Amino acid sequence: QVQMVESGGGLVQAGGSLRLSCTASGLTVDERNLGWFRQAPGKELEGVSCIPWTGGTSFYADSVKGRFTISRDNANKTVYLQMNSLKPEDTAMYYCAAAKQRFLPLSRNCFSPGGDYWGQGTQVTVSS
């Protein structure tokens, strides 16, 4: 059974930092793209950042470029999202995902063709 478990969310003041972690079980991640997504109340789910299985160039949404950094640790089946200079508009439920198919090119919006395995989410709240 595949599981993706996020941690690291919480309440932080504007300008602060958080580091999200997501650990996978029940699958190997070495050949899969991994990503972070978020959904704010009343808004659609959006791709925040994703990292290819090749270790090549990662994708960042324009709204987080220069503030967020994604990384992966294949040995520990974990993907991280370091979030700095947080803003109130970053407030959302954050989800990690792993592509169901292996060896895919990274999609421009981080959603994988063929679907993704999803975690339950971790809440990030940024106060002004």
Protein backbone atom coordinates (compact mmCIF):
# COMPACT_ATOMS: atom_id res chain seq x y z
CA GLN A 1 0.00 0.00 0.00
CA VAL A 2 1.41 3.35 -1.07
CA GLN A 3 1.51 6.09 1.53
CA MET A 4 2.80 9.64 1.39
CA VAL A 5 3.05 11.29 4.79
CA GLU A 6 3.67 15.01 5.16
CA SER A 7 4.96 16.84 8.20
CA GLY A 8 6.35 20.22 9.16
CA GLY A 9 3.37 22.49 8.72
CA GLY A 10 2.26 24.96 11.33
CA LEU A 11 1.62 28.57 12.22
CA VAL A 12 4.33 31.10 11.45
CA GLN A 13 4.56 34.87 11.22
CA ALA A 14 5.08 36.60 7.92
CA GLY A 15 8.75 36.57 7.00
CA GLY A 16 9.34 33.31 8.82
CA SER A 17 10.35 29.90 7.54
CA LEU A 18 9.07 26.35 7.58
CA ARG A 19 10.44 23.10 6.21
CA LEU A 20 7.97 20.54 4.98
CA SER A 21 8.88 16.89 4.69
CA CYS A 22 7.12 14.05 2.95
CA THR A 23 8.13 10.42 3.25
CA ALA A 24 6.88 7.73 0.93
CA SER A 25 6.33 4.07 1.65
CA GLY A 26 5.13 1.19 -0.47
CA LEU A 27 6.96 2.41 -3.57
CA THR A 28 10.38 3.41 -4.79
CA VAL A 29 10.85 7.09 -5.62
CA ASP A 30 14.18 7.01 -7.44
CA GLU A 31 12.53 7.01 -10.86
CA ARG A 32 9.55 9.21 -10.03
CA ASN A 33 8.94 12.91 -10.14
CA LEU A 34 7.99 14.34 -6.76
CA GLY A 35 6.06 17.48 -6.06
CA TRP A 36 4.43 19.83 -3.62
CA PHE A 37 0.99 21.30 -4.17
CA ARG A 38 -1.25 23.58 -2.17
CA GLN A 39 -4.87 24.51 -1.90
CA ALA A 40 -6.11 27.63 -0.18
CA PRO A 41 -9.76 27.97 0.87
CA GLY A 42 -11.93 28.69 -2.15
CA LYS A 43 -9.07 28.17 -4.58
CA GLU A 44 -7.97 25.38 -6.87
CA LEU A 45 -5.18 22.98 -6.14
CA GLU A 46 -1.97 24.34 -7.63
CA GLY A 47 1.50 23.00 -8.21
CA VAL A 48 3.99 24.83 -6.01
CA SER A 49 7.19 23.01 -6.89
CA CYS A 50 8.28 19.69 -8.32
CA ILE A 51 11.58 17.92 -8.77
CA PRO A 52 12.37 15.46 -11.53
CA TRP A 53 13.60 11.93 -10.97
CA THR A 54 16.66 12.82 -13.07
CA GLY A 55 17.85 15.38 -10.56
CA GLY A 56 17.59 18.05 -13.23
CA THR A 57 15.94 21.44 -13.11
CA SER A 58 13.04 21.75 -10.73
CA PHE A 59 9.87 23.72 -11.36
CA TYR A 60 8.66 26.54 -9.15
CA ALA A 61 5.44 28.49 -9.39
CA ASP A 62 6.10 32.16 -10.02
CA SER A 63 4.60 33.06 -6.68
CA VAL A 64 7.28 31.12 -4.75
CA LYS A 65 10.38 31.54 -6.90
CA GLY A 66 13.33 32.73 -4.90
CA ARG A 67 11.64 31.86 -1.59
CA PHE A 68 10.99 28.10 -1.73
CA THR A 69 13.46 25.30 -2.42
CA ILE A 70 12.56 21.71 -3.17
CA SER A 71 14.96 18.82 -2.59
CA ARG A 72 14.82 15.07 -2.44
CA ASP A 73 16.55 12.23 -0.59
CA ASN A 74 15.94 9.06 -2.55
CA ALA A 75 17.63 6.83 0.00
CA ASN A 76 15.08 7.91 2.59
CA LYS A 77 12.22 8.26 0.10
CA THR A 78 11.70 11.82 1.24
CA VAL A 79 11.00 15.12 -0.49
CA TYR A 80 11.43 18.46 1.24
CA LEU A 81 10.13 21.95 0.72
CA GLN A 82 12.09 24.70 2.41
CA MET A 83 9.89 27.77 2.60
CA ASN A 84 11.46 31.10 3.46
CA SER A 85 10.12 34.65 3.58
CA LEU A 86 6.64 33.32 4.03
CA LYS A 87 3.69 35.54 3.20
CA PRO A 88 0.06 35.41 4.36
CA GLU A 89 -0.90 34.39 0.82
CA ASP A 90 1.13 31.20 1.29
CA THR A 91 -1.49 30.03 3.77
CA ALA A 92 -2.92 26.76 2.47
CA MET A 93 -3.05 23.02 2.90
CA TYR A 94 0.12 21.61 1.40
CA TYR A 95 0.20 18.19 -0.23
CA CYS A 96 3.06 16.12 -1.54
CA ALA A 97 2.74 13.76 -4.45
CA ALA A 98 4.70 11.13 -6.32
CA ALA A 99 4.06 10.29 -9.95
CA LYS A 100 2.40 6.93 -10.46
CA GLN A 101 4.41 6.35 -13.60
CA ARG A 102 8.16 6.22 -13.58
CA PHE A 103 10.66 7.92 -15.89
CA LEU A 104 8.34 10.78 -16.84
CA PRO A 105 9.50 14.20 -17.94
CA LEU A 106 8.54 16.92 -15.49
CA SER A 107 5.23 18.51 -16.38
CA ARG A 108 4.91 22.28 -16.44
CA ASN A 109 2.32 22.38 -13.68
CA CYS A 110 3.64 19.42 -11.68
CA PHE A 111 0.55 17.27 -12.21
CA SER A 112 1.70 13.97 -13.69
CA PRO A 113 -0.04 12.40 -16.69
CA GLY A 114 -1.36 9.11 -15.43
CA GLY A 115 -1.91 10.51 -11.96
CA ASP A 116 -0.07 10.89 -8.69
CA TYR A 117 -0.01 9.31 -5.27
CA TRP A 118 -1.08 11.91 -2.70
CA GLY A 119 -0.51 12.57 0.95
CA GLN A 120 -3.17 13.77 3.38
CA GLY A 121 -1.75 17.25 3.60
CA THR A 122 -0.20 19.51 6.20
CA GLN A 123 -1.59 22.92 7.05
CA VAL A 124 0.56 26.02 6.71
CA THR A 125 -0.78 29.23 8.19
CA VAL A 126 1.11 32.51 7.86
CA SER A 127 -0.03 35.37 10.05
CA SER A 128 0.49 38.98 9.10
